[in-house]
Amino acid sequence: MLSESSSFLKGVMLGSIFCALITMLGHIRIGYGNRMYHHEHHHLQAPKKEDILKISEDERMELSKSFRVYCIILVKPKDVSLWAAVKETWTKHCDKAEFFSSENVKVFESINMETNDMWLIMRKAYKYTFDKYRDQYNWFFLARPSTFAIIENLKYFLLKKDPSQPFYLGHTIKSGDFEYVSVEGGIVLSIESMKRLNSLLSVPEKCPEQGGMIWKISEDKQLAVCLKYAGVFAENAEDSEGKNVFNTKSVGLFIKEAMTNHPNLVVEGCCSDMAVTFNGLTPNQMHVMMYGVYRLRAFGHIFNDTLVFLPPNGSDND
């Protein structure tokens, strides 16, 4: 009888702990330093062309030269074909791009994180990046090798955002009351968010390694938990029409959906013309995207861009 009673009490206690942890993920009270943050989720939009035109030509030229984005690509050996495609396509447009792998791969240069756990790879990559480049870059873009990114559109989107503020943006997903930026669409952190994250990586009570949790959650959710403790919250990035600019699906899938849902507005109904990312691409599709974004031009159709982002000296940016 005592044994049954003891088992029952243990079950109640474990159940209570489990419920408490579930609640914690959705309702974390945040303290950073001695301050308390109250933050309502809001949607961030790209600057309007009219606002950019108000900036003098000299200021625009200075912005184009000084705006620098560091790209973090998380890879595993099984991703070698995607890895090659990403290396040969859009990462050339980053001011600097580095690959962080689960193990040493002879075929391509990468930084070995010596683990297969994606959350450990991510947090180690962020730690390495902050320690080495915190004085060189103000914006940090993380993606998987199945993602295609238009870095110039990312820079344009961030143009009027202050990196000394805690930005954490991309394509947000809501899980109950908990919101996070999906790694499938790419994750952008400002230098201030990187500082706050770095300060918590050595605090297991607030930013545990995967092994310290009762159940396994994805690396993008775990990142959001850590950032939430630092007073940094997920923001959804949109264009002026409210369309997402960080996308978790491929262009082809978006067009297929538009043909079903908006047959008379396939192109217009597909996606934003200021899109930053698409995900779920094959290596061949990466090269097709590269051709369409950077090579193909319609004769007589002229785009009068208000700002040009120049590649860094010595870059093989095409």
Protein backbone atom coordinates (compact mmCIF):
# COMPACT_ATOMS: atom_id res chain seq x y z
CA MET A 1 0.00 0.00 0.00
CA LEU A 2 2.83 2.36 0.95
CA SER A 3 4.59 1.48 -2.29
CA GLU A 4 1.48 2.35 -4.35
CA SER A 5 1.02 5.60 -2.47
CA SER A 6 4.66 6.51 -3.01
CA SER A 7 4.40 5.80 -6.75
CA PHE A 8 1.27 7.93 -6.97
CA LEU A 9 2.97 10.88 -5.25
CA LYS A 10 6.00 10.56 -7.53
CA GLY A 11 3.70 10.59 -10.55
CA VAL A 12 1.91 13.73 -9.31
CA MET A 13 5.23 15.48 -8.69
CA LEU A 14 6.65 14.60 -12.11
CA GLY A 15 3.43 15.67 -13.78
CA SER A 16 3.50 18.99 -11.96
CA ILE A 17 7.12 19.62 -12.97
CA PHE A 18 6.34 18.79 -16.61
CA CYS A 19 3.36 21.17 -16.68
CA ALA A 20 5.43 23.90 -15.07
CA LEU A 21 8.14 23.57 -17.71
CA ILE A 22 5.58 23.66 -20.52
CA THR A 23 4.11 26.82 -19.04
CA MET A 24 7.57 28.34 -18.67
CA LEU A 25 8.23 28.14 -22.40
CA GLY A 26 5.13 30.13 -23.16
CA HIS A 27 5.11 32.54 -20.23
CA ILE A 28 8.69 33.35 -19.29
CA ARG A 29 8.99 36.47 -17.16
CA ILE A 30 11.96 38.31 -18.50
CA GLY A 31 14.61 40.20 -16.59
CA TYR A 32 17.71 41.60 -18.23
CA GLY A 33 20.15 43.30 -15.91
CA ASN A 34 18.04 45.20 -13.43
CA ARG A 35 15.37 46.10 -15.96
CA MET A 36 12.07 44.45 -16.78
CA TYR A 37 10.96 44.29 -20.39
CA HIS A 38 7.40 44.49 -21.63
CA HIS A 39 7.26 43.75 -25.33
CA GLU A 40 4.29 43.27 -27.62
CA HIS A 41 5.04 41.33 -30.79
CA HIS A 42 4.93 43.58 -33.81
CA HIS A 43 5.62 43.33 -37.50
CA LEU A 44 8.69 45.04 -38.96
CA GLN A 45 8.50 46.50 -42.44
CA ALA A 46 11.09 47.47 -45.02
CA PRO A 47 11.73 51.21 -45.53
CA LYS A 48 9.71 52.98 -48.20
CA LYS A 49 11.44 54.22 -51.33
CA GLU A 50 10.33 57.77 -50.53
CA ASP A 51 12.17 57.62 -47.19
CA ILE A 52 15.38 56.52 -48.90
CA LEU A 53 15.12 59.37 -51.42
CA LYS A 54 15.23 61.83 -48.52
CA ILE A 55 18.77 60.64 -47.74
CA SER A 56 21.47 62.61 -49.57
CA GLU A 57 23.46 60.89 -52.31
CA ASP A 58 26.66 61.08 -50.26
CA GLU A 59 24.94 59.47 -47.27
CA ARG A 60 23.53 56.73 -49.50
CA MET A 61 26.99 55.98 -50.88
CA GLU A 62 28.42 55.83 -47.38
CA LEU A 63 25.63 53.47 -46.28
CA SER A 64 26.24 51.18 -49.24
CA LYS A 65 29.92 50.86 -48.28
CA SER A 66 29.53 50.58 -44.50
CA PHE A 67 26.54 48.23 -44.25
CA ARG A 68 28.06 44.80 -43.56
CA VAL A 69 26.38 41.42 -43.01
CA TYR A 70 28.11 38.28 -41.75
CA CYS A 71 26.51 35.01 -42.89
CA ILE A 72 26.50 31.80 -40.83
CA ILE A 73 25.62 28.57 -42.68
CA LEU A 74 24.97 25.44 -40.59
CA VAL A 75 25.85 22.24 -42.47
CA LYS A 76 26.32 18.50 -42.12
CA PRO A 77 28.26 16.12 -44.41
CA LYS A 78 25.01 14.83 -45.93
CA ASP A 79 24.37 18.37 -47.20
CA VAL A 80 27.46 18.38 -49.41
CA SER A 81 25.61 19.01 -52.72
CA LEU A 82 23.60 21.87 -51.19
CA TRP A 83 26.75 23.11 -49.51
CA ALA A 84 28.48 23.35 -52.89
CA ALA A 85 25.53 25.19 -54.45
CA VAL A 86 25.29 27.71 -51.62
CA LYS A 87 29.04 28.34 -51.75
CA GLU A 88 28.86 29.00 -55.49
CA THR A 89 25.74 31.18 -55.43
CA TRP A 90 24.24 33.60 -52.92
CA THR A 91 26.87 33.48 -50.14
CA LYS A 92 29.21 35.39 -52.49
CA HIS A 93 27.00 38.39 -51.80
CA CYS A 94 27.58 38.28 -48.03
CA ASP A 95 30.32 40.56 -46.76
CA LYS A 96 31.70 37.39 -45.21
CA ALA A 97 30.25 33.89 -45.09
CA GLU A 98 31.47 30.90 -43.11
CA PHE A 99 30.23 27.33 -42.87
CA PHE A 100 29.87 25.59 -39.51
CA SER A 101 29.78 21.81 -39.77
CA SER A 102 29.08 18.88 -37.47
CA GLU A 103 32.44 17.33 -38.34
CA ASN A 104 35.52 17.89 -40.45
CA VAL A 105 34.79 17.66 -44.19
CA LYS A 106 37.78 17.53 -46.55
CA VAL A 107 35.85 18.65 -49.63
CA PHE A 108 34.98 22.13 -48.32
CA GLU A 109 36.48 24.51 -45.82
CA SER A 110 34.40 24.76 -42.66
CA ILE A 111 34.62 25.32 -38.92
CA ASN A 112 34.20 21.99 -37.13
CA MET A 113 31.74 22.16 -34.20
CA GLU A 114 32.37 18.49 -33.32
CA THR A 115 28.73 17.61 -32.60
CA ASN A 116 25.68 16.37 -34.51
CA ASP A 117 23.22 18.24 -32.29
CA MET A 118 21.89 21.20 -34.29
CA TRP A 119 21.28 23.36 -31.21
CA LEU A 120 24.87 22.82 -30.04
CA ILE A 121 26.14 23.62 -33.54
CA MET A 122 24.05 26.80 -33.58
CA ARG A 123 25.08 28.07 -30.15
CA LYS A 124 28.76 27.25 -30.78
CA ALA A 125 28.59 29.05 -34.13
CA TYR A 126 27.08 32.13 -32.50
CA LYS A 127 29.73 32.04 -29.77
CA TYR A 128 32.58 31.71 -32.28
CA THR A 129 31.15 34.49 -34.45
CA PHE A 130 30.64 36.93 -31.59
CA ASP A 131 34.10 36.35 -30.13
CA LYS A 132 35.83 36.81 -33.47
CA TYR A 133 33.73 39.38 -35.35
CA ARG A 134 31.83 41.51 -32.82
CA ASP A 135 33.86 44.59 -33.79
CA GLN A 136 33.57 44.04 -37.54
CA TYR A 137 29.88 43.40 -38.22
CA ASN A 138 26.60 44.76 -36.89
CA TRP A 139 24.22 42.24 -38.47
CA PHE A 140 24.40 38.44 -38.44
CA PHE A 141 22.38 36.20 -40.75
CA LEU A 142 22.09 32.46 -40.04
CA ALA A 143 20.67 29.95 -42.51
CA ARG A 144 20.57 26.31 -43.52
CA PRO A 145 22.07 25.15 -46.84
CA SER A 146 18.59 24.60 -48.30
CA THR A 147 17.94 28.36 -48.07
CA PHE A 148 18.51 30.88 -50.86
CA ALA A 149 19.02 34.48 -49.72
CA ILE A 150 19.08 37.80 -51.57
CA ILE A 151 21.52 39.68 -49.36
CA GLU A 152 20.94 43.05 -51.05
CA ASN A 153 17.25 42.85 -50.11
CA LEU A 154 18.25 41.93 -46.55
CA LYS A 155 20.47 45.00 -46.36
CA TYR A 156 17.70 47.17 -47.74
CA PHE A 157 15.25 45.80 -45.18
CA LEU A 158 17.67 46.52 -42.33
CA LEU A 159 18.67 49.93 -43.66
CA LYS A 160 16.81 52.04 -41.09
CA LYS A 161 17.10 49.54 -38.23
CA ASP A 162 19.51 50.41 -35.44
CA PRO A 163 21.84 47.44 -34.71
CA SER A 164 22.43 48.77 -31.19
CA GLN A 165 18.82 47.73 -30.51
CA PRO A 166 17.96 44.05 -29.83
CA PHE A 167 16.63 42.85 -33.18
CA TYR A 168 15.77 39.18 -33.74
CA LEU A 169 13.80 38.82 -36.95
CA GLY A 170 12.77 36.63 -39.84
CA HIS A 171 9.67 34.45 -40.37
CA THR A 172 7.94 34.10 -37.01
CA ILE A 173 5.91 31.07 -35.95
CA LYS A 174 3.55 31.05 -33.00
CA SER A 175 3.28 28.02 -30.73
CA GLY A 176 0.67 28.81 -28.10
CA ASP A 177 1.84 32.08 -26.53
CA PHE A 178 5.42 31.34 -27.55
CA GLU A 179 6.87 32.92 -30.71
CA TYR A 180 10.13 32.15 -32.45
CA VAL A 181 11.87 32.83 -35.75
CA SER A 182 11.99 29.75 -37.98
CA VAL A 183 15.49 28.73 -39.01
CA GLU A 184 14.03 27.51 -42.31
CA GLY A 185 13.54 31.12 -43.40
CA GLY A 186 16.82 32.35 -41.93
CA ILE A 187 17.46 34.21 -38.67
CA VAL A 188 18.80 37.76 -38.34
CA LEU A 189 20.35 39.08 -35.12
CA SER A 190 21.69 42.58 -34.47
CA ILE A 191 24.98 43.01 -32.62
CA GLU A 192 23.02 43.95 -29.48
CA SER A 193 21.10 40.68 -29.61
CA MET A 194 24.38 38.83 -30.14
CA LYS A 195 25.82 40.50 -27.03
CA ARG A 196 22.83 39.49 -24.94
CA LEU A 197 22.82 35.94 -26.27
CA ASN A 198 26.54 35.58 -25.62
CA SER A 199 26.07 36.70 -22.01
CA LEU A 200 23.57 33.85 -21.46
CA LEU A 201 25.36 30.97 -23.20
CA SER A 202 27.27 30.24 -20.00
CA VAL A 203 24.11 30.37 -17.84
CA PRO A 204 22.51 26.88 -18.06
CA GLU A 205 19.48 27.93 -16.00
CA LYS A 206 18.47 30.38 -18.73
CA CYS A 207 20.12 29.01 -21.87
CA PRO A 208 20.70 25.26 -21.39
CA GLU A 209 22.36 22.92 -23.80
CA GLN A 210 19.96 20.39 -25.34
CA GLY A 211 21.04 17.62 -22.98
CA GLY A 212 19.92 19.67 -19.99
CA MET A 213 16.25 19.57 -20.95
CA ILE A 214 13.68 16.86 -20.29
CA TRP A 215 12.49 16.78 -23.88
CA LYS A 216 14.13 17.77 -27.16
CA ILE A 217 13.01 20.92 -28.95
CA SER A 218 14.28 22.34 -32.23
CA GLU A 219 17.27 24.65 -32.30
CA ASP A 220 15.26 27.68 -33.44
CA LYS A 221 12.84 27.27 -30.52
CA GLN A 222 15.71 26.85 -28.09
CA LEU A 223 17.33 30.03 -29.41
CA ALA A 224 14.07 31.92 -28.83
CA VAL A 225 13.93 30.67 -25.22
CA CYS A 226 17.45 31.97 -24.56
CA LEU A 227 16.80 35.30 -26.26
CA LYS A 228 13.53 35.75 -24.40
CA TYR A 229 15.42 35.58 -21.12
CA ALA A 230 17.60 38.41 -22.46
CA GLY A 231 14.64 40.61 -23.35
CA VAL A 232 14.89 39.90 -27.08
CA PHE A 233 11.71 38.90 -28.91
CA ALA A 234 10.86 37.47 -32.31
CA GLU A 235 9.80 39.96 -34.99
CA ASN A 236 8.13 39.10 -38.30
CA ALA A 237 9.69 40.81 -41.33
CA GLU A 238 7.28 42.08 -43.99
CA ASP A 239 7.15 44.38 -47.01
CA SER A 240 4.92 47.47 -47.23
CA GLU A 241 1.99 45.28 -48.32
CA GLY A 242 2.30 42.97 -45.33
CA LYS A 243 3.81 40.06 -47.29
CA ASN A 244 6.51 38.00 -45.61
CA VAL A 245 10.02 38.64 -46.89
CA PHE A 246 11.60 35.66 -45.10
CA ASN A 247 10.01 32.55 -46.58
CA THR A 248 10.07 28.95 -45.35
CA LYS A 249 9.04 27.54 -48.74
CA SER A 250 10.43 27.61 -52.29
CA VAL A 251 9.32 29.97 -55.05
CA GLY A 252 7.97 27.00 -56.99
CA LEU A 253 5.72 25.96 -54.13
CA PHE A 254 4.47 29.52 -53.68
CA ILE A 255 3.62 29.76 -57.38
CA LYS A 256 1.84 26.40 -57.28
CA GLU A 257 -0.26 27.62 -54.35
CA ALA A 258 -0.97 30.94 -56.10
CA MET A 259 -2.16 29.13 -59.25
CA THR A 260 -4.73 27.35 -57.08
CA ASN A 261 -5.72 30.22 -54.82
CA HIS A 262 -5.19 33.26 -57.10
CA PRO A 263 -5.23 32.00 -60.72
CA ASN A 264 -5.58 35.54 -62.11
CA LEU A 265 -2.80 36.95 -59.94
CA VAL A 266 -0.18 34.22 -59.93
CA VAL A 267 2.89 36.47 -59.91
CA GLU A 268 1.39 39.23 -57.78
CA GLY A 269 -0.22 36.73 -55.41
CA CYS A 270 2.88 34.59 -55.09
CA CYS A 271 5.27 36.45 -52.84
CA SER A 272 6.91 39.77 -52.05
CA ASP A 273 9.05 41.42 -54.73
CA MET A 274 11.38 42.41 -51.89
CA ALA A 275 11.76 38.81 -50.66
CA VAL A 276 14.93 38.07 -48.70
CA THR A 277 14.82 34.26 -48.48
CA PHE A 278 13.23 31.12 -49.89
CA ASN A 279 13.74 27.64 -48.45
CA GLY A 280 13.58 24.01 -49.54
CA LEU A 281 15.59 24.46 -52.74
CA THR A 282 17.61 21.78 -54.52
CA PRO A 283 21.13 22.57 -55.81
CA ASN A 284 19.75 23.01 -59.34
CA GLN A 285 17.09 25.41 -58.11
CA MET A 286 19.79 27.43 -56.32
CA HIS A 287 21.51 28.08 -59.65
CA VAL A 288 18.20 28.86 -61.37
CA MET A 289 17.46 31.42 -58.64
CA MET A 290 20.94 32.89 -59.06
CA TYR A 291 20.35 33.33 -62.78
CA GLY A 292 16.91 34.85 -62.31
CA VAL A 293 17.91 37.25 -59.52
CA TYR A 294 21.34 38.41 -60.70
CA ARG A 295 21.66 37.67 -64.41
CA LEU A 296 18.38 37.80 -66.30
CA ARG A 297 17.32 41.27 -67.48
CA ALA A 298 14.23 42.26 -69.45
CA PHE A 299 15.27 44.63 -72.26
CA GLY A 300 13.70 48.08 -71.89
CA HIS A 301 12.56 47.39 -68.34
CA ILE A 302 14.65 49.63 -66.09
CA PHE A 303 14.74 49.52 -62.28
CA ASN A 304 15.78 52.85 -60.76
CA ASP A 305 17.12 51.64 -57.43
CA THR A 306 17.63 54.38 -54.87
CA LEU A 307 20.57 52.61 -53.27
CA VAL A 308 23.34 50.29 -54.46
CA PHE A 309 25.15 47.93 -52.08
CA LEU A 310 28.73 47.53 -53.20
CA PRO A 311 30.67 44.29 -52.56
CA PRO A 312 33.71 44.42 -50.26
CA ASN A 313 37.19 44.81 -51.78
CA GLY A 314 38.57 41.51 -53.07
CA SER A 315 35.14 39.86 -53.14
CA ASP A 316 34.20 37.40 -55.92
CA ASN A 317 30.65 38.75 -55.66
CA ASP A 318 29.22 38.56 -59.18
